[in-house]
């Protein structure tokens, strides 16, 4: 699969500091920030600092260090936002997965009972 990265996507611009964000956590490998249209009391996006289009692109091409650093960011976001009662981690991918921004990102949602993910 071809993973052509568009460096003009909104998350690339956030990483370059061209667009402000409400940072929740940052390390050398990832940036986590509040979603601008939250779907739950806790709704944080975590993006890798590398140019990855989707979860499968990140899983295939990111270094072990980048993958571990990203997962450490996920753990820190969960700790900081206190989603101990439970949360959902979502990575929408491509058209059928309804991915809006072509930069791999994970949504962490929590802070209330979320209900079923898919109906039927």
C-alpha atoms as a PDB file:
ATOM      1  CA  UNK A   1       0.000   0.000   0.000  1.00  0.00           C
ATOM      2  CA  UNK A   2       1.182   3.499  -0.829  1.00  0.00           C
ATOM      3  CA  UNK A   3       1.254   5.816   2.166  1.00  0.00           C
ATOM      4  CA  UNK A   4       1.750   9.212   0.532  1.00  0.00           C
ATOM      5  CA  UNK A   5       1.917  11.778   3.342  1.00  0.00           C
ATOM      6  CA  UNK A   6       0.428  15.269   2.899  1.00  0.00           C
ATOM      7  CA  UNK A   7       2.554  17.633   5.005  1.00  0.00           C
ATOM      8  CA  UNK A   8      -0.139  20.320   4.754  1.00  0.00           C
ATOM      9  CA  UNK A   9      -2.662  18.426   6.882  1.00  0.00           C
ATOM     10  CA  UNK A  10      -3.841  20.142  10.063  1.00  0.00           C
ATOM     11  CA  UNK A  11      -1.893  17.841  12.408  1.00  0.00           C
ATOM     12  CA  UNK A  12       1.358  18.452  10.529  1.00  0.00           C
ATOM     13  CA  UNK A  13       0.680  22.178  10.931  1.00  0.00           C
ATOM     14  CA  UNK A  14       0.048  21.697  14.663  1.00  0.00           C
ATOM     15  CA  UNK A  15       3.338  19.806  14.995  1.00  0.00           C
ATOM     16  CA  UNK A  16       5.163  22.674  13.243  1.00  0.00           C
ATOM     17  CA  UNK A  17       3.543  25.211  15.602  1.00  0.00           C
ATOM     18  CA  UNK A  18       1.547  26.885  12.829  1.00  0.00           C
ATOM     19  CA  UNK A  19      -1.776  26.123  14.534  1.00  0.00           C
ATOM     20  CA  UNK A  20      -2.227  26.354  18.310  1.00  0.00           C
ATOM     21  CA  UNK A  21      -3.527  23.485  20.420  1.00  0.00           C
ATOM     22  CA  UNK A  22      -4.351  22.716  24.031  1.00  0.00           C
ATOM     23  CA  UNK A  23      -1.514  20.345  24.836  1.00  0.00           C
ATOM     24  CA  UNK A  24      -2.226  17.614  27.376  1.00  0.00           C
ATOM     25  CA  UNK A  25       1.112  15.803  27.083  1.00  0.00           C
ATOM     26  CA  UNK A  26       4.191  15.744  24.869  1.00  0.00           C
ATOM     27  CA  UNK A  27       7.312  13.623  24.598  1.00  0.00           C
ATOM     28  CA  UNK A  28       9.971  13.145  21.907  1.00  0.00           C
ATOM     29  CA  UNK A  29       7.693  10.861  19.895  1.00  0.00           C
ATOM     30  CA  UNK A  30       4.131  12.125  20.299  1.00  0.00           C
ATOM     31  CA  UNK A  31       1.920  15.106  20.999  1.00  0.00           C
ATOM     32  CA  UNK A  32      -1.415  14.815  22.800  1.00  0.00           C
ATOM     33  CA  UNK A  33      -3.966  17.617  22.776  1.00  0.00           C
ATOM     34  CA  UNK A  34      -7.642  18.266  23.437  1.00  0.00           C
ATOM     35  CA  UNK A  35     -10.040  17.617  20.558  1.00  0.00           C
ATOM     36  CA  UNK A  36     -11.676  20.841  19.311  1.00  0.00           C
ATOM     37  CA  UNK A  37     -15.081  19.113  19.078  1.00  0.00           C
ATOM     38  CA  UNK A  38     -15.106  16.732  22.065  1.00  0.00           C
ATOM     39  CA  UNK A  39     -17.483  13.763  21.970  1.00  0.00           C
ATOM     40  CA  UNK A  40     -17.023  12.944  25.677  1.00  0.00           C
ATOM     41  CA  UNK A  41     -15.856  14.783  28.824  1.00  0.00           C
ATOM     42  CA  UNK A  42     -12.351  13.482  28.036  1.00  0.00           C
ATOM     43  CA  UNK A  43     -11.461  13.581  24.335  1.00  0.00           C
ATOM     44  CA  UNK A  44      -7.757  13.777  23.618  1.00  0.00           C
ATOM     45  CA  UNK A  45      -5.987  13.180  20.318  1.00  0.00           C
ATOM     46  CA  UNK A  46      -2.524  11.622  20.329  1.00  0.00           C
ATOM     47  CA  UNK A  47      -0.402  11.991  17.197  1.00  0.00           C
ATOM     48  CA  UNK A  48       3.060  10.697  16.425  1.00  0.00           C
ATOM     49  CA  UNK A  49       5.648  13.323  15.518  1.00  0.00           C
ATOM     50  CA  UNK A  50       6.616  11.353  12.415  1.00  0.00           C
ATOM     51  CA  UNK A  51       4.887  11.536   9.030  1.00  0.00           C
ATOM     52  CA  UNK A  52       2.514   8.564   9.214  1.00  0.00           C
ATOM     53  CA  UNK A  53      -0.811   8.480   7.391  1.00  0.00           C
ATOM     54  CA  UNK A  54      -2.603   5.759   9.348  1.00  0.00           C
ATOM     55  CA  UNK A  55      -2.346   3.117  12.062  1.00  0.00           C
ATOM     56  CA  UNK A  56      -1.169   0.446   9.637  1.00  0.00           C
ATOM     57  CA  UNK A  57       1.435   2.825   8.185  1.00  0.00           C
ATOM     58  CA  UNK A  58       2.700   3.609  11.702  1.00  0.00           C
ATOM     59  CA  UNK A  59       2.739  -0.085  12.659  1.00  0.00           C
ATOM     60  CA  UNK A  60       4.651  -1.011   9.500  1.00  0.00           C
ATOM     61  CA  UNK A  61       7.198   1.828   9.241  1.00  0.00           C
ATOM     62  CA  UNK A  62       7.708   3.507  12.621  1.00  0.00           C
ATOM     63  CA  UNK A  63      10.757   2.496  14.614  1.00  0.00           C
ATOM     64  CA  UNK A  64      10.342   0.451  17.776  1.00  0.00           C
ATOM     65  CA  UNK A  65      11.442   3.543  19.702  1.00  0.00           C
ATOM     66  CA  UNK A  66       8.754   5.703  18.059  1.00  0.00           C
ATOM     67  CA  UNK A  67       6.101   3.067  18.674  1.00  0.00           C
ATOM     68  CA  UNK A  68       7.087   2.684  22.323  1.00  0.00           C
ATOM     69  CA  UNK A  69       7.196   6.459  22.799  1.00  0.00           C
ATOM     70  CA  UNK A  70       3.725   6.788  21.288  1.00  0.00           C
ATOM     71  CA  UNK A  71       2.322   4.112  23.597  1.00  0.00           C
ATOM     72  CA  UNK A  72       3.994   5.810  26.579  1.00  0.00           C
ATOM     73  CA  UNK A  73       2.139   8.976  25.576  1.00  0.00           C
ATOM     74  CA  UNK A  74      -1.129   7.012  25.528  1.00  0.00           C
ATOM     75  CA  UNK A  75      -0.428   5.772  29.075  1.00  0.00           C
ATOM     76  CA  UNK A  76       0.412   9.270  30.298  1.00  0.00           C
ATOM     77  CA  UNK A  77      -2.736  10.764  28.761  1.00  0.00           C
ATOM     78  CA  UNK A  78      -4.830   8.114  30.510  1.00  0.00           C
ATOM     79  CA  UNK A  79      -3.100   8.899  33.811  1.00  0.00           C
ATOM     80  CA  UNK A  80      -3.361  12.684  33.415  1.00  0.00           C
ATOM     81  CA  UNK A  81      -7.026  12.618  32.394  1.00  0.00           C
ATOM     82  CA  UNK A  82      -7.930  10.066  35.096  1.00  0.00           C
ATOM     83  CA  UNK A  83      -9.951   7.712  32.901  1.00  0.00           C
ATOM     84  CA  UNK A  84      -9.523   4.886  35.411  1.00  0.00           C
ATOM     85  CA  UNK A  85     -13.204   3.919  35.204  1.00  0.00           C
ATOM     86  CA  UNK A  86     -12.691   3.110  31.533  1.00  0.00           C
ATOM     87  CA  UNK A  87     -12.030   4.697  28.171  1.00  0.00           C
ATOM     88  CA  UNK A  88     -12.136   4.051  24.460  1.00  0.00           C
ATOM     89  CA  UNK A  89      -9.115   4.275  22.154  1.00  0.00           C
ATOM     90  CA  UNK A  90     -10.047   4.790  18.500  1.00  0.00           C
ATOM     91  CA  UNK A  91      -7.906   5.084  15.389  1.00  0.00           C
ATOM     92  CA  UNK A  92     -10.122   5.798  12.386  1.00  0.00           C
ATOM     93  CA  UNK A  93      -8.412   4.706   9.168  1.00  0.00           C
ATOM     94  CA  UNK A  94      -9.038   5.785   5.566  1.00  0.00           C
ATOM     95  CA  UNK A  95     -12.431   6.302   3.897  1.00  0.00           C
ATOM     96  CA  UNK A  96     -14.439   3.406   5.325  1.00  0.00           C
ATOM     97  CA  UNK A  97     -13.001   4.082   8.769  1.00  0.00           C
ATOM     98  CA  UNK A  98     -14.030   7.759   8.477  1.00  0.00           C
ATOM     99  CA  UNK A  99     -10.524   9.165   8.942  1.00  0.00           C
ATOM    100  CA  UNK A 100     -10.814  12.957   8.611  1.00  0.00           C
ATOM    101  CA  UNK A 101      -7.136  13.930   8.891  1.00  0.00           C
ATOM    102  CA  UNK A 102      -4.502  11.955   6.926  1.00  0.00           C
ATOM    103  CA  UNK A 103      -2.053  11.813   9.836  1.00  0.00           C
ATOM    104  CA  UNK A 104      -2.232   8.814  12.177  1.00  0.00           C
ATOM    105  CA  UNK A 105      -3.978   9.749  15.395  1.00  0.00           C
ATOM    106  CA  UNK A 106      -5.596   7.987  18.299  1.00  0.00           C
ATOM    107  CA  UNK A 107      -8.637   9.322  20.115  1.00  0.00           C
ATOM    108  CA  UNK A 108      -8.844   8.701  23.862  1.00  0.00           C
ATOM    109  CA  UNK A 109     -12.438   9.165  25.024  1.00  0.00           C
ATOM    110  CA  UNK A 110     -13.740   8.770  28.562  1.00  0.00           C
ATOM    111  CA  UNK A 111     -15.179  10.496  31.578  1.00  0.00           C
ATOM    112  CA  UNK A 112     -18.623   8.891  31.220  1.00  0.00           C
ATOM    113  CA  UNK A 113     -20.339   5.651  30.156  1.00  0.00           C
ATOM    114  CA  UNK A 114     -19.792   5.546  26.395  1.00  0.00           C
ATOM    115  CA  UNK A 115     -22.277   2.946  25.168  1.00  0.00           C
ATOM    116  CA  UNK A 116     -21.747   0.475  22.359  1.00  0.00           C
ATOM    117  CA  UNK A 117     -19.278   1.416  19.640  1.00  0.00           C
ATOM    118  CA  UNK A 118     -21.201  -0.106  16.716  1.00  0.00           C
ATOM    119  CA  UNK A 119     -24.899  -0.806  16.460  1.00  0.00           C
ATOM    120  CA  UNK A 120     -26.141  -4.092  15.038  1.00  0.00           C
END
